[in-house]
Amino acid sequence: MHKVVTVDLEKDILAENRRIANDNRRRLEEHGITAFDFLGAIGSGKTLIIENLVDILKAKGKRSAAIAGDVSGDDDYQRFVKHGIPAENINTGKECHLDAHLVDHALEELPLADIDYLFIENVGNLVCPVDFPVGSHKRVVVISVTEGDDMVRKHPPIFAFSDVIIINKIDLAEAMDVDPKILERDARRTNPGAKVIMMDARHGKGMDELVEALGL
Protein backbone atom coordinates (compact mmCIF):
# COMPACT_ATOMS: atom_id res chain seq x y z
CA MET A 1 0.00 0.00 0.00
CA HIS A 2 2.83 2.40 0.87
CA LYS A 3 4.39 1.89 -2.55
CA VAL A 4 1.14 2.77 -4.34
CA VAL A 5 0.72 5.97 -2.31
CA THR A 6 4.30 7.00 -3.16
CA VAL A 7 3.74 6.48 -6.86
CA ASP A 8 0.43 8.36 -6.81
CA LEU A 9 2.03 11.27 -4.97
CA GLU A 10 4.82 11.47 -7.53
CA LYS A 11 2.27 11.50 -10.36
CA ASP A 12 0.39 14.32 -8.66
CA ILE A 13 3.57 16.38 -8.24
CA LEU A 14 4.61 15.92 -11.87
CA ALA A 15 1.09 16.70 -13.12
CA GLU A 16 0.95 19.91 -11.07
CA ASN A 17 4.39 20.92 -12.35
CA ARG A 18 3.21 20.43 -15.94
CA ARG A 19 0.14 22.56 -15.27
CA ILE A 20 2.22 25.43 -13.91
CA ALA A 21 4.73 25.02 -16.75
CA ASN A 22 1.89 25.44 -19.25
CA ASP A 23 0.78 28.57 -17.40
CA ASN A 24 4.35 29.90 -17.55
CA ARG A 25 4.46 29.27 -21.28
CA ARG A 26 1.19 31.12 -21.81
CA ARG A 27 2.40 34.08 -19.78
CA LEU A 28 5.63 34.25 -21.78
CA GLU A 29 3.80 34.06 -25.09
CA GLU A 30 1.36 36.78 -24.03
CA HIS A 31 4.41 39.04 -23.76
CA GLY A 32 6.01 37.79 -26.97
CA ILE A 33 8.90 36.14 -25.12
CA THR A 34 10.74 33.03 -26.32
CA ALA A 35 12.33 31.04 -23.50
CA PHE A 36 15.11 28.47 -23.45
CA ASP A 37 15.88 26.04 -20.61
CA PHE A 38 19.62 25.26 -20.45
CA LEU A 39 20.47 21.96 -18.79
CA GLY A 40 23.82 20.34 -18.04
CA ALA A 41 26.32 19.40 -15.37
CA ILE A 42 28.30 21.91 -13.33
CA GLY A 43 31.21 23.18 -15.41
CA SER A 44 29.78 22.18 -18.78
CA GLY A 45 29.76 25.80 -19.96
CA LYS A 46 26.07 26.74 -19.73
CA THR A 47 26.70 30.19 -18.27
CA LEU A 48 29.30 31.23 -20.84
CA ILE A 49 27.10 30.06 -23.70
CA ILE A 50 24.18 32.11 -22.39
CA GLU A 51 26.45 35.13 -21.93
CA ASN A 52 27.59 34.80 -25.55
CA LEU A 53 23.99 34.58 -26.75
CA VAL A 54 23.00 37.66 -24.72
CA ASP A 55 25.78 39.68 -26.37
CA ILE A 56 24.87 38.41 -29.85
CA LEU A 57 21.23 39.36 -29.32
CA LYS A 58 22.17 42.74 -27.90
CA ALA A 59 24.11 43.47 -31.10
CA LYS A 60 20.91 42.67 -33.01
CA GLY A 61 18.87 45.07 -30.88
CA LYS A 62 17.09 42.24 -29.03
CA ARG A 63 16.40 42.30 -25.30
CA SER A 64 17.35 39.34 -23.11
CA ALA A 65 16.80 38.31 -19.50
CA ALA A 66 18.05 35.38 -17.46
CA ILE A 67 17.09 33.18 -14.55
CA ALA A 68 20.02 31.56 -12.75
CA GLY A 69 19.27 28.35 -10.87
CA ASP A 70 21.71 26.94 -8.32
CA VAL A 71 21.53 25.01 -5.08
CA SER A 72 23.11 28.02 -3.38
CA GLY A 73 25.06 31.18 -4.20
CA ASP A 74 24.63 33.79 -6.91
CA ASP A 75 27.81 33.49 -9.00
CA ASP A 76 26.01 32.88 -12.30
CA TYR A 77 23.44 35.57 -11.55
CA GLN A 78 26.24 38.08 -11.01
CA ARG A 79 27.76 37.13 -14.37
CA PHE A 80 24.43 37.75 -16.10
CA VAL A 81 23.78 41.17 -14.57
CA LYS A 82 27.22 42.34 -15.69
CA HIS A 83 25.83 42.14 -19.22
CA GLY A 84 23.23 44.75 -18.31
CA ILE A 85 20.19 42.47 -18.52
CA PRO A 86 17.36 41.81 -16.04
CA ALA A 87 18.06 38.63 -14.09
CA GLU A 88 16.70 36.64 -11.17
CA ASN A 89 18.56 34.23 -8.91
CA ILE A 90 16.90 31.06 -7.63
CA ASN A 91 18.50 28.98 -4.87
CA THR A 92 16.86 25.57 -4.58
CA GLY A 93 18.44 24.49 -1.29
CA LYS A 94 18.47 20.70 -1.35
CA GLU A 95 16.64 20.37 -4.68
CA CYS A 96 18.75 19.43 -7.70
CA HIS A 97 16.54 21.09 -10.33
CA LEU A 98 14.34 24.08 -11.02
CA ASP A 99 10.61 23.47 -11.21
CA ALA A 100 7.79 25.41 -12.84
CA HIS A 101 6.64 26.91 -9.54
CA LEU A 102 10.06 28.45 -8.83
CA VAL A 103 10.25 29.86 -12.35
CA ASP A 104 6.72 31.25 -11.97
CA HIS A 105 7.87 33.31 -8.98
CA ALA A 106 10.94 34.51 -10.88
CA LEU A 107 8.76 35.63 -13.78
CA GLU A 108 6.78 37.82 -11.38
CA GLU A 109 9.97 39.79 -10.67
CA LEU A 110 11.09 40.27 -14.29
CA PRO A 111 9.99 43.18 -16.55
CA LEU A 112 8.27 40.90 -19.05
CA ALA A 113 7.10 43.76 -21.25
CA ASP A 114 10.74 44.66 -21.93
CA ILE A 115 12.06 41.19 -22.83
CA ASP A 116 12.33 39.35 -26.14
CA TYR A 117 14.24 36.27 -25.01
CA LEU A 118 14.55 34.54 -21.64
CA PHE A 119 17.39 32.18 -20.79
CA ILE A 120 16.80 29.82 -17.87
CA GLU A 121 19.94 28.20 -16.53
CA ASN A 122 18.88 25.10 -14.64
CA VAL A 123 20.72 23.60 -11.68
CA GLY A 124 23.87 21.74 -12.72
CA ASN A 125 22.61 18.16 -12.99
CA LEU A 126 22.02 15.62 -15.76
CA VAL A 127 19.28 13.65 -14.01
CA CYS A 128 16.86 15.66 -11.87
CA PRO A 129 15.61 18.33 -14.32
CA VAL A 130 14.34 15.82 -16.90
CA ASP A 131 10.84 15.38 -15.43
CA PHE A 132 10.29 19.04 -14.58
CA PRO A 133 9.54 21.27 -17.57
CA VAL A 134 9.46 24.92 -16.60
CA GLY A 135 7.53 26.44 -19.51
CA SER A 136 10.36 27.05 -21.97
CA HIS A 137 9.94 26.75 -25.71
CA LYS A 138 13.10 24.70 -26.16
CA ARG A 139 15.42 22.65 -23.99
CA VAL A 140 19.16 22.83 -24.57
CA VAL A 141 21.47 20.33 -22.90
CA VAL A 142 25.19 21.09 -22.65
CA ILE A 143 27.93 18.56 -21.97
CA SER A 144 31.68 19.02 -22.01
CA VAL A 145 34.32 16.67 -23.35
CA THR A 146 35.94 16.99 -19.91
CA GLU A 147 33.11 14.84 -18.55
CA GLY A 148 34.20 11.84 -20.64
CA ASP A 149 32.91 10.24 -23.82
CA ASP A 150 30.32 8.05 -22.06
CA MET A 151 28.09 10.81 -20.69
CA VAL A 152 25.27 10.38 -23.20
CA ARG A 153 25.12 6.63 -22.62
CA LYS A 154 25.04 7.17 -18.85
CA HIS A 155 22.26 9.81 -18.91
CA PRO A 156 20.08 9.13 -21.96
CA PRO A 157 16.77 10.68 -20.76
CA ILE A 158 18.03 14.26 -20.61
CA PHE A 159 19.30 13.97 -24.18
CA ALA A 160 16.18 12.21 -25.41
CA PHE A 161 13.99 15.09 -24.19
CA SER A 162 16.11 18.02 -25.40
CA ASP A 163 15.77 19.97 -28.62
CA VAL A 164 19.42 20.97 -28.93
CA ILE A 165 22.47 19.04 -27.71
CA ILE A 166 25.74 20.95 -27.33
CA ILE A 167 29.07 19.12 -27.04
CA ASN A 168 31.26 21.85 -25.57
CA LYS A 169 34.99 22.41 -24.95
CA ILE A 170 36.00 20.41 -28.02
CA ASP A 171 39.28 22.36 -27.96
CA LEU A 172 40.21 20.27 -24.89
CA ALA A 173 39.33 16.90 -26.44
CA GLU A 174 42.87 15.87 -27.29
CA ALA A 175 44.21 16.87 -23.87
CA MET A 176 41.41 14.88 -22.20
CA ASP A 177 41.92 11.90 -24.54
CA VAL A 178 38.23 12.05 -25.48
CA ASP A 179 36.78 11.60 -28.95
CA PRO A 180 33.93 14.12 -29.43
CA LYS A 181 32.62 12.05 -32.34
CA ILE A 182 31.66 9.31 -29.85
CA LEU A 183 29.54 11.81 -27.94
CA GLU A 184 28.04 13.05 -31.19
CA ARG A 185 27.26 9.51 -32.32
CA ASP A 186 25.59 8.64 -29.03
CA ALA A 187 23.61 11.89 -29.03
CA ARG A 188 22.26 11.26 -32.52
CA ARG A 189 21.35 7.68 -31.65
CA THR A 190 19.57 8.76 -28.47
CA ASN A 191 17.69 11.64 -30.10
CA PRO A 192 17.71 11.60 -33.91
CA GLY A 193 15.50 14.68 -34.03
CA ALA A 194 17.75 16.94 -31.95
CA LYS A 195 20.21 19.43 -33.36
CA VAL A 196 23.71 18.39 -32.26
CA ILE A 197 26.32 21.16 -32.14
CA MET A 198 30.06 20.78 -31.59
CA MET A 199 31.23 23.86 -29.69
CA ASP A 200 34.17 25.69 -28.20
CA ALA A 201 32.24 28.43 -26.43
CA ARG A 202 35.35 30.09 -25.05
CA HIS A 203 36.54 30.89 -28.57
CA GLY A 204 33.11 31.28 -30.20
CA LYS A 205 33.19 28.11 -32.29
CA GLY A 206 29.69 26.74 -32.89
CA MET A 207 27.86 29.88 -31.71
CA ASP A 208 26.54 30.76 -35.17
CA GLU A 209 25.14 27.25 -35.50
CA LEU A 210 23.46 27.55 -32.10
CA VAL A 211 21.93 30.91 -32.98
CA GLU A 212 20.45 29.31 -36.10
CA ALA A 213 19.21 26.26 -34.17
CA LEU A 214 17.43 28.48 -31.64
CA GLY A 215 15.97 30.73 -34.31
CA LEU A 216 17.53 33.88 -32.87
C-alpha atoms as a PDB file:
ATOM      1  CA  MET A   1       0.000   0.000   0.000  1.00  0.00           C
ATOM      2  CA  HIS A   2       2.835   2.400   0.872  1.00  0.00           C
ATOM      3  CA  LYS A   3       4.387   1.895  -2.554  1.00  0.00           C
ATOM      4  CA  VAL A   4       1.138   2.774  -4.343  1.00  0.00           C
ATOM      5  CA  VAL A   5       0.719   5.972  -2.310  1.00  0.00           C
ATOM      6  CA  THR A   6       4.298   7.005  -3.158  1.00  0.00           C
ATOM      7  CA  VAL A   7       3.745   6.477  -6.863  1.00  0.00           C
ATOM      8  CA  ASP A   8       0.429   8.357  -6.815  1.00  0.00           C
ATOM      9  CA  LEU A   9       2.034  11.269  -4.969  1.00  0.00           C
ATOM     10  CA  GLU A  10       4.820  11.468  -7.526  1.00  0.00           C
ATOM     11  CA  LYS A  11       2.273  11.504 -10.363  1.00  0.00           C
ATOM     12  CA  ASP A  12       0.388  14.322  -8.657  1.00  0.00           C
ATOM     13  CA  ILE A  13       3.575  16.381  -8.243  1.00  0.00           C
ATOM     14  CA  LEU A  14       4.606  15.921 -11.870  1.00  0.00           C
ATOM     15  CA  ALA A  15       1.092  16.702 -13.124  1.00  0.00           C
ATOM     16  CA  GLU A  16       0.949  19.908 -11.072  1.00  0.00           C
ATOM     17  CA  ASN A  17       4.387  20.915 -12.349  1.00  0.00           C
ATOM     18  CA  ARG A  18       3.211  20.425 -15.944  1.00  0.00           C
ATOM     19  CA  ARG A  19       0.136  22.560 -15.273  1.00  0.00           C
ATOM     20  CA  ILE A  20       2.220  25.428 -13.908  1.00  0.00           C
ATOM     21  CA  ALA A  21       4.727  25.019 -16.750  1.00  0.00           C
ATOM     22  CA  ASN A  22       1.889  25.445 -19.250  1.00  0.00           C
ATOM     23  CA  ASP A  23       0.776  28.569 -17.397  1.00  0.00           C
ATOM     24  CA  ASN A  24       4.346  29.903 -17.550  1.00  0.00           C
ATOM     25  CA  ARG A  25       4.465  29.266 -21.280  1.00  0.00           C
ATOM     26  CA  ARG A  26       1.189  31.117 -21.810  1.00  0.00           C
ATOM     27  CA  ARG A  27       2.397  34.077 -19.780  1.00  0.00           C
ATOM     28  CA  LEU A  28       5.631  34.249 -21.781  1.00  0.00           C
ATOM     29  CA  GLU A  29       3.799  34.059 -25.093  1.00  0.00           C
ATOM     30  CA  GLU A  30       1.361  36.780 -24.034  1.00  0.00           C
ATOM     31  CA  HIS A  31       4.412  39.043 -23.761  1.00  0.00           C
ATOM     32  CA  GLY A  32       6.008  37.792 -26.974  1.00  0.00           C
ATOM     33  CA  ILE A  33       8.900  36.136 -25.120  1.00  0.00           C
ATOM     34  CA  THR A  34      10.736  33.033 -26.324  1.00  0.00           C
ATOM     35  CA  ALA A  35      12.331  31.038 -23.498  1.00  0.00           C
ATOM     36  CA  PHE A  36      15.110  28.466 -23.447  1.00  0.00           C
ATOM     37  CA  ASP A  37      15.882  26.036 -20.612  1.00  0.00           C
ATOM     38  CA  PHE A  38      19.616  25.257 -20.446  1.00  0.00           C
ATOM     39  CA  LEU A  39      20.474  21.957 -18.786  1.00  0.00           C
ATOM     40  CA  GLY A  40      23.824  20.342 -18.036  1.00  0.00           C
ATOM     41  CA  ALA A  41      26.319  19.399 -15.373  1.00  0.00           C
ATOM     42  CA  ILE A  42      28.303  21.914 -13.332  1.00  0.00           C
ATOM     43  CA  GLY A  43      31.205  23.183 -15.411  1.00  0.00           C
ATOM     44  CA  SER A  44      29.785  22.184 -18.777  1.00  0.00           C
ATOM     45  CA  GLY A  45      29.761  25.803 -19.963  1.00  0.00           C
ATOM     46  CA  LYS A  46      26.074  26.739 -19.730  1.00  0.00           C
ATOM     47  CA  THR A  47      26.697  30.191 -18.266  1.00  0.00           C
ATOM     48  CA  LEU A  48      29.295  31.231 -20.838  1.00  0.00           C
ATOM     49  CA  ILE A  49      27.100  30.057 -23.703  1.00  0.00           C
ATOM     50  CA  ILE A  50      24.177  32.107 -22.393  1.00  0.00           C
ATOM     51  CA  GLU A  51      26.446  35.128 -21.934  1.00  0.00           C
ATOM     52  CA  ASN A  52      27.587  34.800 -25.549  1.00  0.00           C
ATOM     53  CA  LEU A  53      23.986  34.585 -26.747  1.00  0.00           C
ATOM     54  CA  VAL A  54      23.000  37.657 -24.722  1.00  0.00           C
ATOM     55  CA  ASP A  55      25.783  39.677 -26.370  1.00  0.00           C
ATOM     56  CA  ILE A  56      24.871  38.411 -29.846  1.00  0.00           C
ATOM     57  CA  LEU A  57      21.232  39.359 -29.321  1.00  0.00           C
ATOM     58  CA  LYS A  58      22.169  42.744 -27.899  1.00  0.00           C
ATOM     59  CA  ALA A  59      24.113  43.475 -31.103  1.00  0.00           C
ATOM     60  CA  LYS A  60      20.914  42.675 -33.013  1.00  0.00           C
ATOM     61  CA  GLY A  61      18.867  45.071 -30.880  1.00  0.00           C
ATOM     62  CA  LYS A  62      17.095  42.240 -29.034  1.00  0.00           C
ATOM     63  CA  ARG A  63      16.404  42.300 -25.295  1.00  0.00           C
ATOM     64  CA  SER A  64      17.350  39.337 -23.108  1.00  0.00           C
ATOM     65  CA  ALA A  65      16.795  38.308 -19.504  1.00  0.00           C
ATOM     66  CA  ALA A  66      18.047  35.378 -17.463  1.00  0.00           C
ATOM     67  CA  ILE A  67      17.088  33.183 -14.555  1.00  0.00           C
ATOM     68  CA  ALA A  68      20.020  31.558 -12.752  1.00  0.00           C
ATOM     69  CA  GLY A  69      19.270  28.348 -10.874  1.00  0.00           C
ATOM     70  CA  ASP A  70      21.708  26.937  -8.325  1.00  0.00           C
ATOM     71  CA  VAL A  71      21.530  25.009  -5.081  1.00  0.00           C
ATOM     72  CA  SER A  72      23.114  28.025  -3.382  1.00  0.00           C
ATOM     73  CA  GLY A  73      25.058  31.179  -4.197  1.00  0.00           C
ATOM     74  CA  ASP A  74      24.634  33.787  -6.913  1.00  0.00           C
ATOM     75  CA  ASP A  75      27.809  33.489  -9.003  1.00  0.00           C
ATOM     76  CA  ASP A  76      26.015  32.875 -12.304  1.00  0.00           C
ATOM     77  CA  TYR A  77      23.442  35.566 -11.546  1.00  0.00           C
ATOM     78  CA  GLN A  78      26.244  38.083 -11.012  1.00  0.00           C
ATOM     79  CA  ARG A  79      27.756  37.128 -14.368  1.00  0.00           C
ATOM     80  CA  PHE A  80      24.429  37.752 -16.104  1.00  0.00           C
ATOM     81  CA  VAL A  81      23.778  41.171 -14.570  1.00  0.00           C
ATOM     82  CA  LYS A  82      27.223  42.339 -15.693  1.00  0.00           C
ATOM     83  CA  HIS A  83      25.833  42.139 -19.223  1.00  0.00           C
ATOM     84  CA  GLY A  84      23.233  44.746 -18.313  1.00  0.00           C
ATOM     85  CA  ILE A  85      20.193  42.472 -18.516  1.00  0.00           C
ATOM     86  CA  PRO A  86      17.362  41.808 -16.040  1.00  0.00           C
ATOM     87  CA  ALA A  87      18.061  38.627 -14.090  1.00  0.00           C
ATOM     88  CA  GLU A  88      16.702  36.638 -11.174  1.00  0.00           C
ATOM     89  CA  ASN A  89      18.559  34.232  -8.914  1.00  0.00           C
ATOM     90  CA  ILE A  90      16.897  31.056  -7.630  1.00  0.00           C
ATOM     91  CA  ASN A  91      18.498  28.981  -4.866  1.00  0.00           C
ATOM     92  CA  THR A  92      16.856  25.569  -4.576  1.00  0.00           C
ATOM     93  CA  GLY A  93      18.443  24.490  -1.286  1.00  0.00           C
ATOM     94  CA  LYS A  94      18.467  20.700  -1.348  1.00  0.00           C
ATOM     95  CA  GLU A  95      16.639  20.371  -4.677  1.00  0.00           C
ATOM     96  CA  CYS A  96      18.749  19.425  -7.705  1.00  0.00           C
ATOM     97  CA  HIS A  97      16.537  21.092 -10.326  1.00  0.00           C
ATOM     98  CA  LEU A  98      14.342  24.082 -11.024  1.00  0.00           C
ATOM     99  CA  ASP A  99      10.611  23.470 -11.209  1.00  0.00           C
ATOM    100  CA  ALA A 100       7.791  25.406 -12.838  1.00  0.00           C
ATOM    101  CA  HIS A 101       6.642  26.906  -9.536  1.00  0.00           C
ATOM    102  CA  LEU A 102      10.056  28.451  -8.828  1.00  0.00           C
ATOM    103  CA  VAL A 103      10.251  29.855 -12.350  1.00  0.00           C
ATOM    104  CA  ASP A 104       6.724  31.246 -11.970  1.00  0.00           C
ATOM    105  CA  HIS A 105       7.870  33.306  -8.980  1.00  0.00           C
ATOM    106  CA  ALA A 106      10.939  34.512 -10.876  1.00  0.00           C
ATOM    107  CA  LEU A 107       8.755  35.634 -13.781  1.00  0.00           C
ATOM    108  CA  GLU A 108       6.784  37.817 -11.377  1.00  0.00           C
ATOM    109  CA  GLU A 109       9.965  39.790 -10.670  1.00  0.00           C
ATOM    110  CA  LEU A 110      11.091  40.273 -14.287  1.00  0.00           C
ATOM    111  CA  PRO A 111       9.994  43.180 -16.554  1.00  0.00           C
ATOM    112  CA  LEU A 112       8.268  40.898 -19.054  1.00  0.00           C
ATOM    113  CA  ALA A 113       7.099  43.763 -21.250  1.00  0.00           C
ATOM    114  CA  ASP A 114      10.744  44.658 -21.931  1.00  0.00           C
ATOM    115  CA  ILE A 115      12.060  41.188 -22.826  1.00  0.00           C
ATOM    116  CA  ASP A 116      12.328  39.350 -26.144  1.00  0.00           C
ATOM    117  CA  TYR A 117      14.242  36.269 -25.009  1.00  0.00           C
ATOM    118  CA  LEU A 118      14.548  34.535 -21.645  1.00  0.00           C
ATOM    119  CA  PHE A 119      17.393  32.182 -20.787  1.00  0.00           C
ATOM    120  CA  ILE A 120      16.796  29.821 -17.872  1.00  0.00           C
ATOM    121  CA  GLU A 121      19.945  28.196 -16.527  1.00  0.00           C
ATOM    122  CA  ASN A 122      18.885  25.102 -14.637  1.00  0.00           C
ATOM    123  CA  VAL A 123      20.715  23.601 -11.677  1.00  0.00           C
ATOM    124  CA  GLY A 124      23.867  21.739 -12.721  1.00  0.00           C
ATOM    125  CA  ASN A 125      22.612  18.164 -12.990  1.00  0.00           C
ATOM    126  CA  LEU A 126      22.023  15.624 -15.760  1.00  0.00           C
ATOM    127  CA  VAL A 127      19.277  13.647 -14.009  1.00  0.00           C
ATOM    128  CA  CYS A 128      16.860  15.655 -11.866  1.00  0.00           C
ATOM    129  CA  PRO A 129      15.614  18.325 -14.325  1.00  0.00           C
ATOM    130  CA  VAL A 130      14.345  15.818 -16.896  1.00  0.00           C
ATOM    131  CA  ASP A 131      10.842  15.375 -15.430  1.00  0.00           C
ATOM    132  CA  PHE A 132      10.291  19.036 -14.576  1.00  0.00           C
ATOM    133  CA  PRO A 133       9.541  21.270 -17.575  1.00  0.00           C
ATOM    134  CA  VAL A 134       9.461  24.924 -16.603  1.00  0.00           C
ATOM    135  CA  GLY A 135       7.529  26.439 -19.510  1.00  0.00           C
ATOM    136  CA  SER A 136      10.363  27.055 -21.966  1.00  0.00           C
ATOM    137  CA  HIS A 137       9.937  26.750 -25.709  1.00  0.00           C
ATOM    138  CA  LYS A 138      13.099  24.695 -26.162  1.00  0.00           C
ATOM    139  CA  ARG A 139      15.421  22.648 -23.994  1.00  0.00           C
ATOM    140  CA  VAL A 140      19.157  22.833 -24.572  1.00  0.00           C
ATOM    141  CA  VAL A 141      21.472  20.327 -22.901  1.00  0.00           C
ATOM    142  CA  VAL A 142      25.188  21.086 -22.645  1.00  0.00           C
ATOM    143  CA  ILE A 143      27.926  18.556 -21.973  1.00  0.00           C
ATOM    144  CA  SER A 144      31.677  19.019 -22.007  1.00  0.00           C
ATOM    145  CA  VAL A 145      34.323  16.671 -23.346  1.00  0.00           C
ATOM    146  CA  THR A 146      35.943  16.991 -19.913  1.00  0.00           C
ATOM    147  CA  GLU A 147      33.114  14.838 -18.548  1.00  0.00           C
ATOM    148  CA  GLY A 148      34.198  11.837 -20.642  1.00  0.00           C
ATOM    149  CA  ASP A 149      32.912  10.237 -23.822  1.00  0.00           C
ATOM    150  CA  ASP A 150      30.321   8.049 -22.065  1.00  0.00           C
ATOM    151  CA  MET A 151      28.094  10.810 -20.687  1.00  0.00           C
ATOM    152  CA  VAL A 152      25.269  10.376 -23.197  1.00  0.00           C
ATOM    153  CA  ARG A 153      25.119   6.632 -22.615  1.00  0.00           C
ATOM    154  CA  LYS A 154      25.037   7.170 -18.846  1.00  0.00           C
ATOM    155  CA  HIS A 155      22.264   9.810 -18.907  1.00  0.00           C
ATOM    156  CA  PRO A 156      20.082   9.132 -21.959  1.00  0.00           C
ATOM    157  CA  PRO A 157      16.770  10.677 -20.764  1.00  0.00           C
ATOM    158  CA  ILE A 158      18.031  14.258 -20.609  1.00  0.00           C
ATOM    159  CA  PHE A 159      19.301  13.971 -24.178  1.00  0.00           C
ATOM    160  CA  ALA A 160      16.179  12.212 -25.409  1.00  0.00           C
ATOM    161  CA  PHE A 161      13.986  15.093 -24.186  1.00  0.00           C
ATOM    162  CA  SER A 162      16.114  18.017 -25.402  1.00  0.00           C
ATOM    163  CA  ASP A 163      15.768  19.973 -28.621  1.00  0.00           C
ATOM    164  CA  VAL A 164      19.419  20.974 -28.927  1.00  0.00           C
ATOM    165  CA  ILE A 165      22.475  19.040 -27.714  1.00  0.00           C
ATOM    166  CA  ILE A 166      25.743  20.951 -27.332  1.00  0.00           C
ATOM    167  CA  ILE A 167      29.065  19.119 -27.041  1.00  0.00           C
ATOM    168  CA  ASN A 168      31.262  21.850 -25.575  1.00  0.00           C
ATOM    169  CA  LYS A 169      34.988  22.409 -24.955  1.00  0.00           C
ATOM    170  CA  ILE A 170      35.998  20.413 -28.016  1.00  0.00           C
ATOM    171  CA  ASP A 171      39.282  22.363 -27.955  1.00  0.00           C
ATOM    172  CA  LEU A 172      40.211  20.269 -24.890  1.00  0.00           C
ATOM    173  CA  ALA A 173      39.330  16.904 -26.436  1.00  0.00           C
ATOM    174  CA  GLU A 174      42.868  15.871 -27.292  1.00  0.00           C
ATOM    175  CA  ALA A 175      44.210  16.868 -23.874  1.00  0.00           C
ATOM    176  CA  MET A 176      41.410  14.878 -22.198  1.00  0.00           C
ATOM    177  CA  ASP A 177      41.917  11.898 -24.537  1.00  0.00           C
ATOM    178  CA  VAL A 178      38.227  12.051 -25.479  1.00  0.00           C
ATOM    179  CA  ASP A 179      36.778  11.601 -28.951  1.00  0.00           C
ATOM    180  CA  PRO A 180      33.928  14.124 -29.434  1.00  0.00           C
ATOM    181  CA  LYS A 181      32.622  12.050 -32.337  1.00  0.00           C
ATOM    182  CA  ILE A 182      31.662   9.314 -29.854  1.00  0.00           C
ATOM    183  CA  LEU A 183      29.539  11.813 -27.936  1.00  0.00           C
ATOM    184  CA  GLU A 184      28.039  13.054 -31.195  1.00  0.00           C
ATOM    185  CA  ARG A 185      27.256   9.510 -32.321  1.00  0.00           C
ATOM    186  CA  ASP A 186      25.589   8.635 -29.026  1.00  0.00           C
ATOM    187  CA  ALA A 187      23.608  11.888 -29.027  1.00  0.00           C
ATOM    188  CA  ARG A 188      22.261  11.263 -32.521  1.00  0.00           C
ATOM    189  CA  ARG A 189      21.354   7.678 -31.652  1.00  0.00           C
ATOM    190  CA  THR A 190      19.572   8.759 -28.465  1.00  0.00           C
ATOM    191  CA  ASN A 191      17.690  11.637 -30.095  1.00  0.00           C
ATOM    192  CA  PRO A 192      17.710  11.597 -33.910  1.00  0.00           C
ATOM    193  CA  GLY A 193      15.497  14.681 -34.027  1.00  0.00           C
ATOM    194  CA  ALA A 194      17.750  16.936 -31.947  1.00  0.00           C
ATOM    195  CA  LYS A 195      20.206  19.432 -33.359  1.00  0.00           C
ATOM    196  CA  VAL A 196      23.713  18.391 -32.261  1.00  0.00           C
ATOM    197  CA  ILE A 197      26.324  21.160 -32.136  1.00  0.00           C
ATOM    198  CA  MET A 198      30.059  20.785 -31.590  1.00  0.00           C
ATOM    199  CA  MET A 199      31.230  23.856 -29.693  1.00  0.00           C
ATOM    200  CA  ASP A 200      34.173  25.687 -28.201  1.00  0.00           C
ATOM    201  CA  ALA A 201      32.240  28.428 -26.426  1.00  0.00           C
ATOM    202  CA  ARG A 202      35.346  30.090 -25.052  1.00  0.00           C
ATOM    203  CA  HIS A 203      36.536  30.893 -28.567  1.00  0.00           C
ATOM    204  CA  GLY A 204      33.108  31.278 -30.201  1.00  0.00           C
ATOM    205  CA  LYS A 205      33.194  28.110 -32.292  1.00  0.00           C
ATOM    206  CA  GLY A 206      29.690  26.743 -32.891  1.00  0.00           C
ATOM    207  CA  MET A 207      27.855  29.877 -31.710  1.00  0.00           C
ATOM    208  CA  ASP A 208      26.540  30.761 -35.173  1.00  0.00           C
ATOM    209  CA  GLU A 209      25.144  27.254 -35.502  1.00  0.00           C
ATOM    210  CA  LEU A 210      23.460  27.547 -32.103  1.00  0.00           C
ATOM    211  CA  VAL A 211      21.929  30.908 -32.983  1.00  0.00           C
ATOM    212  CA  GLU A 212      20.449  29.306 -36.097  1.00  0.00           C
ATOM    213  CA  ALA A 213      19.210  26.256 -34.168  1.00  0.00           C
ATOM    214  CA  LEU A 214      17.428  28.480 -31.639  1.00  0.00           C
ATOM    215  CA  GLY A 215      15.966  30.728 -34.313  1.00  0.00           C
ATOM    216  CA  LEU A 216      17.526  33.878 -32.872  1.00  0.00           C
END
